[in-house]
C-alpha cells in the first residue's frame, strides 16, 4: 500500500473514510457530551488528515481533508460530539467503510 504522502495514487475515498473514522474515535473519547460546532469538525478533520499523511504538510493531506469533509454529514443542530461520532459511524457503515 502506498504511503499517504506519495503523490502518485492515494485513494481519496478510502482516505476520507480513514479520516472520518479517526474523527469519530476522537469525538467518542474526547469530551463526547460537549456540543459540536462546525469549526471543531473542520479542525479535527484537518488534524486527522495531517496525522494520516505522516504529519506532513506536503502530499495528500489537503486532498484527504477535502474528501473527508465532502463525505461528512451536516451537523444536526444541538448535536454533541458523541452523537455526531455515532452519525459518522453510520455513514461509514453505509458506504461499506470502517465503522
Protein backbone atom coordinates (compact mmCIF):
# COMPACT_ATOMS: atom_id res chain seq x y z
CA UNK A 1 0.00 0.00 0.00
CA UNK A 2 1.44 3.39 -0.91
CA UNK A 3 2.27 5.85 1.80
CA UNK A 4 -0.37 8.58 2.16
CA UNK A 5 2.27 11.17 1.31
CA UNK A 6 3.08 9.51 -2.02
CA UNK A 7 1.70 11.86 -4.60
CA UNK A 8 1.09 9.10 -7.09
CA UNK A 9 -2.16 7.39 -6.18
CA UNK A 10 -3.84 7.76 -2.85
CA UNK A 11 -7.43 6.50 -2.91
CA UNK A 12 -9.16 9.66 -1.66
CA UNK A 13 -12.41 7.78 -0.98
CA UNK A 14 -10.67 5.30 1.28
CA UNK A 15 -8.57 8.08 2.81
CA UNK A 16 -11.75 10.08 3.56
CA UNK A 17 -13.17 7.05 5.36
CA UNK A 18 -9.99 6.65 7.39
CA UNK A 19 -10.04 10.33 8.34
CA UNK A 20 -13.70 10.20 9.39
CA UNK A 21 -13.16 7.00 11.38
CA UNK A 22 -10.34 8.77 13.25
CA UNK A 23 -12.55 11.83 13.81
CA UNK A 24 -15.32 9.59 15.19
CA UNK A 25 -12.85 7.92 17.55
CA UNK A 26 -11.61 11.29 18.76
CA UNK A 27 -15.12 12.63 19.36
CA UNK A 28 -16.11 9.44 21.20
CA UNK A 29 -13.22 9.73 23.64
CA UNK A 30 -12.65 13.48 23.97
CA UNK A 31 -15.49 15.47 25.52
CA UNK A 32 -18.27 13.39 23.92
CA UNK A 33 -21.02 15.31 25.74
CA UNK A 34 -19.90 18.75 24.51
CA UNK A 35 -21.86 20.38 21.72
CA UNK A 36 -20.17 20.08 18.34
CA UNK A 37 -19.57 23.23 16.34
CA UNK A 38 -18.60 23.38 12.68
CA UNK A 39 -15.15 24.80 13.35
CA UNK A 40 -14.39 21.89 15.70
CA UNK A 41 -15.25 19.44 12.94
CA UNK A 42 -13.11 21.30 10.40
CA UNK A 43 -10.11 21.40 12.72
CA UNK A 44 -10.46 17.73 13.64
CA UNK A 45 -10.76 16.63 10.00
CA UNK A 46 -7.64 18.65 9.13
CA UNK A 47 -5.71 17.27 12.09
CA UNK A 48 -6.62 13.65 11.35
CA UNK A 49 -5.73 14.06 7.66
CA UNK A 50 -2.41 15.59 8.72
CA UNK A 51 -1.77 12.60 11.01
CA UNK A 52 -2.63 10.12 8.25
CA UNK A 53 -0.31 11.97 5.86
CA UNK A 54 2.60 11.15 8.17
CA UNK A 55 2.33 14.57 9.81
CA UNK A 56 3.41 16.30 6.62
CA UNK A 57 2.03 19.47 5.06
CA UNK A 58 3.02 18.11 1.66
CA UNK A 59 1.42 15.31 -0.27
CA UNK A 60 -2.18 14.17 0.03
CA UNK A 61 -3.26 15.76 3.32
CA UNK A 62 -5.28 18.57 1.72
CA UNK A 63 -6.99 16.18 -0.71
CA UNK A 64 -7.79 13.80 2.14
CA UNK A 65 -9.29 16.67 4.17
CA UNK A 66 -11.45 17.84 1.29
CA UNK A 67 -12.67 14.32 0.54
CA UNK A 68 -13.46 13.67 4.21
CA UNK A 69 -15.34 16.94 4.58
CA UNK A 70 -17.35 16.16 1.43
CA UNK A 71 -18.31 12.75 2.87
CA UNK A 72 -19.12 14.08 6.34
CA UNK A 73 -22.81 14.67 7.04
CA UNK A 74 -24.08 18.05 8.19
CA UNK A 75 -24.02 18.56 11.93
CA UNK A 76 -27.55 18.28 13.29
CA UNK A 77 -28.48 21.28 15.40
CA UNK A 78 -27.66 20.67 19.05
CA UNK A 79 -25.55 17.59 18.29
CA UNK A 80 -22.93 16.51 20.77
CA UNK A 81 -19.53 15.26 19.71
CA UNK A 82 -20.50 11.72 20.76
CA UNK A 83 -23.80 11.80 18.85
CA UNK A 84 -22.02 13.06 15.75
CA UNK A 85 -19.43 10.29 16.12
CA UNK A 86 -22.29 7.77 16.00
CA UNK A 87 -23.63 9.51 12.89
CA UNK A 88 -20.19 9.26 11.28
CA UNK A 89 -20.06 5.54 12.08
CA UNK A 90 -23.46 5.11 10.38
CA UNK A 91 -22.26 6.94 7.26
CA UNK A 92 -19.10 4.85 7.14
CA UNK A 93 -21.06 1.61 7.57
CA UNK A 94 -23.49 2.65 4.83
CA UNK A 95 -20.56 3.31 2.50
CA UNK A 96 -19.09 -0.08 3.29
CA UNK A 97 -16.15 1.52 5.06
CA UNK A 98 -14.86 1.41 8.58
CA UNK A 99 -17.46 1.70 11.28
